[in-house]
Amino acid sequence: MRPKKDDKQQLSVHVIIRLKTTEKDEIVKRMNEERFITITDYVRSRLFIKRLSKRITVSDEYIRIFRTLDFNLTKIGNNLNQIAHKLNAYNTYMLTEQDKLAFESCFKQLKSCFEILDKYLHLIN
């Protein structure tokens, strides 16, 4: 048997609201997404507990751009790793013109990525 709560902890006030079926379904869906057991717990948490995170929805264009950025940043990382490997593997290795071009390409791609990230960061804030 559950221990009895003292008078200060007992929930004695009722609030009744009327909802459309679709509204209740949406609440239940969100409650399940956030893994609450009861609607009461979910509603109480949404009303009284300050959330530390924001829920952000983004467009398809946003997702496409960030996937492209991720791909480009991965390419940059691979290029830099290849250059670092050559420099570390061969003590006498000198940077070639091709390495310099790779560095310039990396720099241009990074600059482009940061410009796009900056643009979308302003949209989020």
N, C-alpha and C. Protein backbone atom coordinates (compact mmCIF):
# COMPACT_ATOMS: atom_id res chain seq x y z
N MET A 1 0.84 -1.18 0.00
CA MET A 1 0.00 0.00 0.00
C MET A 1 0.89 1.25 0.00
N ARG A 2 0.47 2.27 -0.75
CA ARG A 2 1.23 3.50 -0.86
C ARG A 2 1.15 4.29 0.45
N PRO A 3 2.27 4.90 0.87
CA PRO A 3 2.21 5.70 2.10
C PRO A 3 1.33 6.93 1.91
N LYS A 4 0.65 7.30 2.96
CA LYS A 4 -0.25 8.43 2.91
C LYS A 4 0.55 9.73 2.86
N LYS A 5 0.11 10.68 2.01
CA LYS A 5 0.77 11.98 1.91
C LYS A 5 0.21 12.91 2.98
N ASP A 6 1.07 13.81 3.44
CA ASP A 6 0.56 14.78 4.40
C ASP A 6 -0.30 15.82 3.67
N ASP A 7 -0.98 16.66 4.42
CA ASP A 7 -1.95 17.60 3.85
C ASP A 7 -1.32 18.57 2.84
N LYS A 8 -0.06 18.96 3.05
CA LYS A 8 0.59 19.90 2.15
C LYS A 8 0.90 19.28 0.79
N GLN A 9 1.11 17.98 0.77
CA GLN A 9 1.46 17.30 -0.47
C GLN A 9 0.25 16.79 -1.25
N GLN A 10 -0.90 16.75 -0.63
CA GLN A 10 -2.07 16.21 -1.32
C GLN A 10 -2.57 17.18 -2.39
N LEU A 11 -2.97 16.60 -3.48
CA LEU A 11 -3.53 17.38 -4.57
C LEU A 11 -5.04 17.38 -4.41
N SER A 12 -5.59 18.54 -4.08
CA SER A 12 -7.01 18.56 -3.78
C SER A 12 -7.82 19.48 -4.69
N VAL A 13 -7.18 20.27 -5.50
CA VAL A 13 -7.90 21.20 -6.37
C VAL A 13 -7.98 20.61 -7.78
N HIS A 14 -9.16 20.65 -8.36
CA HIS A 14 -9.37 20.12 -9.71
C HIS A 14 -9.51 21.26 -10.70
N VAL A 15 -8.91 21.08 -11.86
CA VAL A 15 -9.10 22.01 -12.97
C VAL A 15 -9.63 21.18 -14.12
N ILE A 16 -10.77 21.58 -14.64
CA ILE A 16 -11.39 20.83 -15.73
C ILE A 16 -11.36 21.70 -16.98
N ILE A 17 -10.86 21.11 -18.06
CA ILE A 17 -10.88 21.81 -19.34
C ILE A 17 -11.54 20.92 -20.38
N ARG A 18 -12.11 21.54 -21.36
CA ARG A 18 -12.74 20.79 -22.44
C ARG A 18 -11.87 20.92 -23.69
N LEU A 19 -11.65 19.77 -24.33
CA LEU A 19 -10.80 19.72 -25.52
C LEU A 19 -11.53 19.02 -26.66
N LYS A 20 -11.07 19.33 -27.86
CA LYS A 20 -11.52 18.54 -29.01
C LYS A 20 -10.75 17.22 -28.97
N THR A 21 -11.29 16.24 -29.64
CA THR A 21 -10.63 14.94 -29.68
C THR A 21 -9.23 15.05 -30.27
N THR A 22 -9.08 15.87 -31.30
CA THR A 22 -7.77 16.03 -31.93
C THR A 22 -6.76 16.68 -30.98
N GLU A 23 -7.25 17.61 -30.15
CA GLU A 23 -6.37 18.26 -29.19
C GLU A 23 -5.89 17.27 -28.13
N LYS A 24 -6.80 16.44 -27.64
CA LYS A 24 -6.41 15.44 -26.66
C LYS A 24 -5.43 14.45 -27.27
N ASP A 25 -5.70 14.04 -28.51
CA ASP A 25 -4.79 13.11 -29.19
C ASP A 25 -3.40 13.71 -29.31
N GLU A 26 -3.32 15.00 -29.61
CA GLU A 26 -2.03 15.68 -29.71
C GLU A 26 -1.32 15.70 -28.36
N ILE A 27 -2.05 15.97 -27.29
CA ILE A 27 -1.45 15.96 -25.95
C ILE A 27 -0.93 14.57 -25.61
N VAL A 28 -1.71 13.55 -25.91
CA VAL A 28 -1.29 12.17 -25.62
C VAL A 28 -0.05 11.82 -26.45
N LYS A 29 -0.03 12.25 -27.70
CA LYS A 29 1.13 11.99 -28.56
C LYS A 29 2.38 12.63 -27.97
N ARG A 30 2.28 13.89 -27.60
CA ARG A 30 3.43 14.59 -27.02
C ARG A 30 3.83 13.98 -25.68
N MET A 31 2.84 13.60 -24.89
CA MET A 31 3.11 12.97 -23.60
C MET A 31 3.92 11.69 -23.80
N ASN A 32 3.54 10.90 -24.78
CA ASN A 32 4.26 9.66 -25.07
C ASN A 32 5.67 9.94 -25.60
N GLU A 33 5.81 10.97 -26.45
CA GLU A 33 7.12 11.32 -26.99
C GLU A 33 8.09 11.71 -25.87
N GLU A 34 7.57 12.41 -24.87
CA GLU A 34 8.41 12.86 -23.76
C GLU A 34 8.42 11.86 -22.61
N ARG A 35 7.77 10.73 -22.82
CA ARG A 35 7.80 9.59 -21.90
C ARG A 35 7.22 9.88 -20.51
N PHE A 36 6.09 10.55 -20.52
CA PHE A 36 5.35 10.72 -19.27
C PHE A 36 4.34 9.60 -19.16
N ILE A 37 4.01 9.23 -17.93
CA ILE A 37 3.09 8.11 -17.72
C ILE A 37 1.64 8.58 -17.79
N THR A 38 1.38 9.76 -17.23
CA THR A 38 0.01 10.26 -17.21
C THR A 38 -0.07 11.65 -17.84
N ILE A 39 -1.25 11.99 -18.29
CA ILE A 39 -1.48 13.32 -18.85
C ILE A 39 -1.27 14.37 -17.76
N THR A 40 -1.68 14.07 -16.55
CA THR A 40 -1.51 15.01 -15.45
C THR A 40 -0.04 15.36 -15.24
N ASP A 41 0.83 14.36 -15.23
CA ASP A 41 2.26 14.61 -15.06
C ASP A 41 2.80 15.46 -16.20
N TYR A 42 2.36 15.14 -17.41
CA TYR A 42 2.82 15.89 -18.58
C TYR A 42 2.39 17.35 -18.49
N VAL A 43 1.11 17.59 -18.22
CA VAL A 43 0.59 18.96 -18.17
C VAL A 43 1.26 19.74 -17.04
N ARG A 44 1.40 19.10 -15.89
CA ARG A 44 2.03 19.78 -14.76
C ARG A 44 3.48 20.16 -15.10
N SER A 45 4.19 19.28 -15.75
CA SER A 45 5.58 19.59 -16.09
C SER A 45 5.66 20.72 -17.11
N ARG A 46 4.74 20.72 -18.08
CA ARG A 46 4.74 21.77 -19.09
C ARG A 46 4.37 23.13 -18.48
N LEU A 47 3.55 23.12 -17.48
CA LEU A 47 3.12 24.39 -16.88
C LEU A 47 4.11 24.95 -15.85
N PHE A 48 4.71 24.08 -15.07
CA PHE A 48 5.46 24.56 -13.92
C PHE A 48 6.97 24.36 -13.98
N ILE A 49 7.45 23.48 -14.81
CA ILE A 49 8.89 23.23 -14.88
C ILE A 49 9.45 23.96 -16.09
N LYS A 50 10.44 24.81 -15.84
CA LYS A 50 11.06 25.53 -16.94
C LYS A 50 11.91 24.56 -17.74
N ARG A 51 11.73 24.62 -19.04
CA ARG A 51 12.47 23.71 -19.91
C ARG A 51 13.81 24.32 -20.27
N LEU A 52 14.84 23.48 -20.31
CA LEU A 52 16.17 23.93 -20.64
C LEU A 52 16.43 23.88 -22.14
N SER A 53 15.62 23.16 -22.87
CA SER A 53 15.85 23.02 -24.30
C SER A 53 14.66 23.55 -25.08
N LYS A 54 14.94 23.93 -26.31
CA LYS A 54 13.89 24.39 -27.21
C LYS A 54 13.67 23.33 -28.28
N ARG A 55 12.48 23.24 -28.74
CA ARG A 55 12.18 22.34 -29.85
C ARG A 55 12.17 23.18 -31.11
N ILE A 56 13.05 22.83 -32.03
CA ILE A 56 13.20 23.61 -33.26
C ILE A 56 12.82 22.73 -34.44
N THR A 57 11.94 23.23 -35.27
CA THR A 57 11.62 22.53 -36.50
C THR A 57 12.27 23.28 -37.65
N VAL A 58 12.76 22.55 -38.61
CA VAL A 58 13.49 23.17 -39.71
C VAL A 58 12.90 22.72 -41.04
N SER A 59 13.16 23.51 -42.06
CA SER A 59 12.64 23.22 -43.39
C SER A 59 13.50 22.15 -44.07
N ASP A 60 12.98 21.64 -45.18
CA ASP A 60 13.74 20.66 -45.98
C ASP A 60 15.00 21.28 -46.54
N GLU A 61 14.92 22.57 -46.92
CA GLU A 61 16.11 23.26 -47.44
C GLU A 61 17.20 23.32 -46.38
N TYR A 62 16.81 23.61 -45.16
CA TYR A 62 17.74 23.68 -44.04
C TYR A 62 18.46 22.33 -43.86
N ILE A 63 17.70 21.25 -43.89
CA ILE A 63 18.28 19.91 -43.74
C ILE A 63 19.23 19.61 -44.89
N ARG A 64 18.83 19.96 -46.12
CA ARG A 64 19.67 19.72 -47.29
C ARG A 64 20.98 20.48 -47.18
N ILE A 65 20.91 21.74 -46.77
CA ILE A 65 22.12 22.57 -46.65
C ILE A 65 23.05 22.00 -45.58
N PHE A 66 22.50 21.60 -44.46
CA PHE A 66 23.36 21.09 -43.40
C PHE A 66 23.94 19.71 -43.72
N ARG A 67 23.23 18.92 -44.50
CA ARG A 67 23.82 17.65 -44.95
C ARG A 67 24.98 17.92 -45.90
N THR A 68 24.81 18.93 -46.77
CA THR A 68 25.89 19.31 -47.67
C THR A 68 27.09 19.82 -46.88
N LEU A 69 26.82 20.63 -45.86
CA LEU A 69 27.90 21.13 -45.01
C LEU A 69 28.63 19.98 -44.32
N ASP A 70 27.86 19.03 -43.82
CA ASP A 70 28.47 17.88 -43.15
C ASP A 70 29.37 17.11 -44.11
N PHE A 71 28.88 16.90 -45.34
CA PHE A 71 29.67 16.21 -46.36
C PHE A 71 30.96 16.97 -46.65
N ASN A 72 30.84 18.30 -46.83
CA ASN A 72 32.01 19.12 -47.14
C ASN A 72 33.02 19.14 -45.99
N LEU A 73 32.51 19.22 -44.77
CA LEU A 73 33.42 19.21 -43.62
C LEU A 73 34.13 17.87 -43.50
N THR A 74 33.44 16.79 -43.84
CA THR A 74 34.08 15.47 -43.82
C THR A 74 35.19 15.40 -44.87
N LYS A 75 34.93 15.96 -46.06
CA LYS A 75 35.96 15.99 -47.11
C LYS A 75 37.17 16.79 -46.64
N ILE A 76 36.92 17.92 -45.99
CA ILE A 76 38.02 18.75 -45.49
C ILE A 76 38.85 17.96 -44.48
N GLY A 77 38.16 17.28 -43.57
CA GLY A 77 38.86 16.48 -42.57
C GLY A 77 39.71 15.40 -43.20
N ASN A 78 39.18 14.74 -44.25
CA ASN A 78 39.95 13.71 -44.94
C ASN A 78 41.20 14.29 -45.60
N ASN A 79 41.03 15.46 -46.25
CA ASN A 79 42.18 16.10 -46.88
C ASN A 79 43.26 16.45 -45.86
N LEU A 80 42.83 17.02 -44.74
CA LEU A 80 43.80 17.40 -43.71
C LEU A 80 44.48 16.17 -43.12
N ASN A 81 43.74 15.09 -42.93
CA ASN A 81 44.35 13.86 -42.41
C ASN A 81 45.38 13.29 -43.37
N GLN A 82 45.11 13.36 -44.66
CA GLN A 82 46.07 12.86 -45.64
C GLN A 82 47.36 13.69 -45.61
N ILE A 83 47.21 14.99 -45.50
CA ILE A 83 48.39 15.86 -45.43
C ILE A 83 49.17 15.60 -44.14
N ALA A 84 48.45 15.49 -43.02
CA ALA A 84 49.11 15.23 -41.74
C ALA A 84 49.83 13.89 -41.78
N HIS A 85 49.23 12.88 -42.40
CA HIS A 85 49.87 11.57 -42.51
C HIS A 85 51.17 11.67 -43.29
N LYS A 86 51.15 12.39 -44.40
CA LYS A 86 52.37 12.54 -45.19
C LYS A 86 53.45 13.26 -44.40
N LEU A 87 53.05 14.30 -43.68
CA LEU A 87 54.05 15.06 -42.90
C LEU A 87 54.63 14.22 -41.77
N ASN A 88 53.81 13.38 -41.15
CA ASN A 88 54.28 12.57 -40.03
C ASN A 88 55.01 11.31 -40.48
N ALA A 89 54.61 10.74 -41.62
CA ALA A 89 55.20 9.49 -42.07
C ALA A 89 56.59 9.68 -42.67
N TYR A 90 56.78 10.80 -43.30
CA TYR A 90 58.06 11.05 -43.97
C TYR A 90 58.71 12.29 -43.37
N ASN A 91 59.77 12.10 -42.62
CA ASN A 91 60.42 13.24 -41.95
C ASN A 91 60.94 14.27 -42.94
N THR A 92 61.25 13.83 -44.13
CA THR A 92 61.81 14.76 -45.11
C THR A 92 60.75 15.30 -46.07
N TYR A 93 59.51 14.98 -45.80
CA TYR A 93 58.44 15.40 -46.73
C TYR A 93 58.27 16.91 -46.69
N MET A 94 58.23 17.51 -47.84
CA MET A 94 57.98 18.94 -47.97
C MET A 94 56.61 19.11 -48.63
N LEU A 95 55.93 20.16 -48.26
CA LEU A 95 54.63 20.42 -48.86
C LEU A 95 54.79 20.69 -50.35
N THR A 96 53.98 20.01 -51.13
CA THR A 96 54.02 20.20 -52.57
C THR A 96 52.98 21.24 -52.98
N GLU A 97 52.98 21.57 -54.23
CA GLU A 97 52.00 22.52 -54.76
C GLU A 97 50.59 21.95 -54.60
N GLN A 98 50.48 20.63 -54.76
CA GLN A 98 49.19 19.97 -54.59
C GLN A 98 48.70 20.10 -53.14
N ASP A 99 49.60 19.98 -52.18
CA ASP A 99 49.23 20.15 -50.77
C ASP A 99 48.76 21.57 -50.50
N LYS A 100 49.48 22.53 -51.08
CA LYS A 100 49.10 23.94 -50.90
C LYS A 100 47.71 24.19 -51.48
N LEU A 101 47.44 23.60 -52.65
CA LEU A 101 46.11 23.74 -53.26
C LEU A 101 45.04 23.10 -52.37
N ALA A 102 45.38 21.96 -51.77
CA ALA A 102 44.43 21.29 -50.86
C ALA A 102 44.14 22.17 -49.65
N PHE A 103 45.18 22.82 -49.09
CA PHE A 103 44.97 23.73 -47.97
C PHE A 103 44.08 24.90 -48.38
N GLU A 104 44.34 25.46 -49.55
CA GLU A 104 43.51 26.58 -50.02
C GLU A 104 42.07 26.14 -50.22
N SER A 105 41.88 24.95 -50.79
CA SER A 105 40.53 24.42 -50.98
C SER A 105 39.83 24.22 -49.64
N CYS A 106 40.55 23.67 -48.67
CA CYS A 106 40.00 23.47 -47.32
C CYS A 106 39.58 24.80 -46.72
N PHE A 107 40.45 25.80 -46.87
CA PHE A 107 40.16 27.11 -46.30
C PHE A 107 38.91 27.71 -46.95
N LYS A 108 38.79 27.62 -48.27
CA LYS A 108 37.62 28.16 -48.97
C LYS A 108 36.34 27.45 -48.55
N GLN A 109 36.41 26.12 -48.43
CA GLN A 109 35.22 25.36 -48.03
C GLN A 109 34.83 25.69 -46.59
N LEU A 110 35.82 25.79 -45.71
CA LEU A 110 35.53 26.15 -44.32
C LEU A 110 34.90 27.54 -44.25
N LYS A 111 35.44 28.48 -45.00
CA LYS A 111 34.90 29.83 -45.01
C LYS A 111 33.45 29.82 -45.49
N SER A 112 33.18 29.06 -46.55
CA SER A 112 31.82 28.94 -47.07
C SER A 112 30.88 28.33 -46.03
N CYS A 113 31.34 27.28 -45.36
CA CYS A 113 30.53 26.62 -44.33
C CYS A 113 30.20 27.58 -43.20
N PHE A 114 31.19 28.32 -42.75
CA PHE A 114 30.96 29.26 -41.65
C PHE A 114 30.01 30.37 -42.06
N GLU A 115 30.09 30.83 -43.31
CA GLU A 115 29.17 31.86 -43.77
C GLU A 115 27.74 31.36 -43.77
N ILE A 116 27.54 30.13 -44.23
CA ILE A 116 26.19 29.55 -44.26
C ILE A 116 25.69 29.31 -42.83
N LEU A 117 26.56 28.77 -41.98
CA LEU A 117 26.16 28.56 -40.58
C LEU A 117 25.79 29.87 -39.92
N ASP A 118 26.55 30.92 -40.17
CA ASP A 118 26.28 32.23 -39.60
C ASP A 118 24.93 32.76 -40.07
N LYS A 119 24.65 32.58 -41.36
CA LYS A 119 23.36 33.03 -41.93
C LYS A 119 22.19 32.34 -41.23
N TYR A 120 22.28 31.02 -41.07
CA TYR A 120 21.18 30.29 -40.46
C TYR A 120 21.12 30.46 -38.95
N LEU A 121 22.24 30.75 -38.33
CA LEU A 121 22.24 31.01 -36.89
C LEU A 121 21.43 32.27 -36.59
N HIS A 122 21.55 33.28 -37.44
CA HIS A 122 20.77 34.50 -37.28
C HIS A 122 19.26 34.21 -37.43
N LEU A 123 18.91 33.28 -38.30
CA LEU A 123 17.51 32.93 -38.47
C LEU A 123 16.94 32.22 -37.24
N ILE A 124 17.77 31.40 -36.60
CA ILE A 124 17.31 30.67 -35.40
C ILE A 124 17.12 31.63 -34.24
N ASN A 125 18.08 32.53 -34.03
CA ASN A 125 17.98 33.51 -32.93
C ASN A 125 17.01 34.56 -33.31
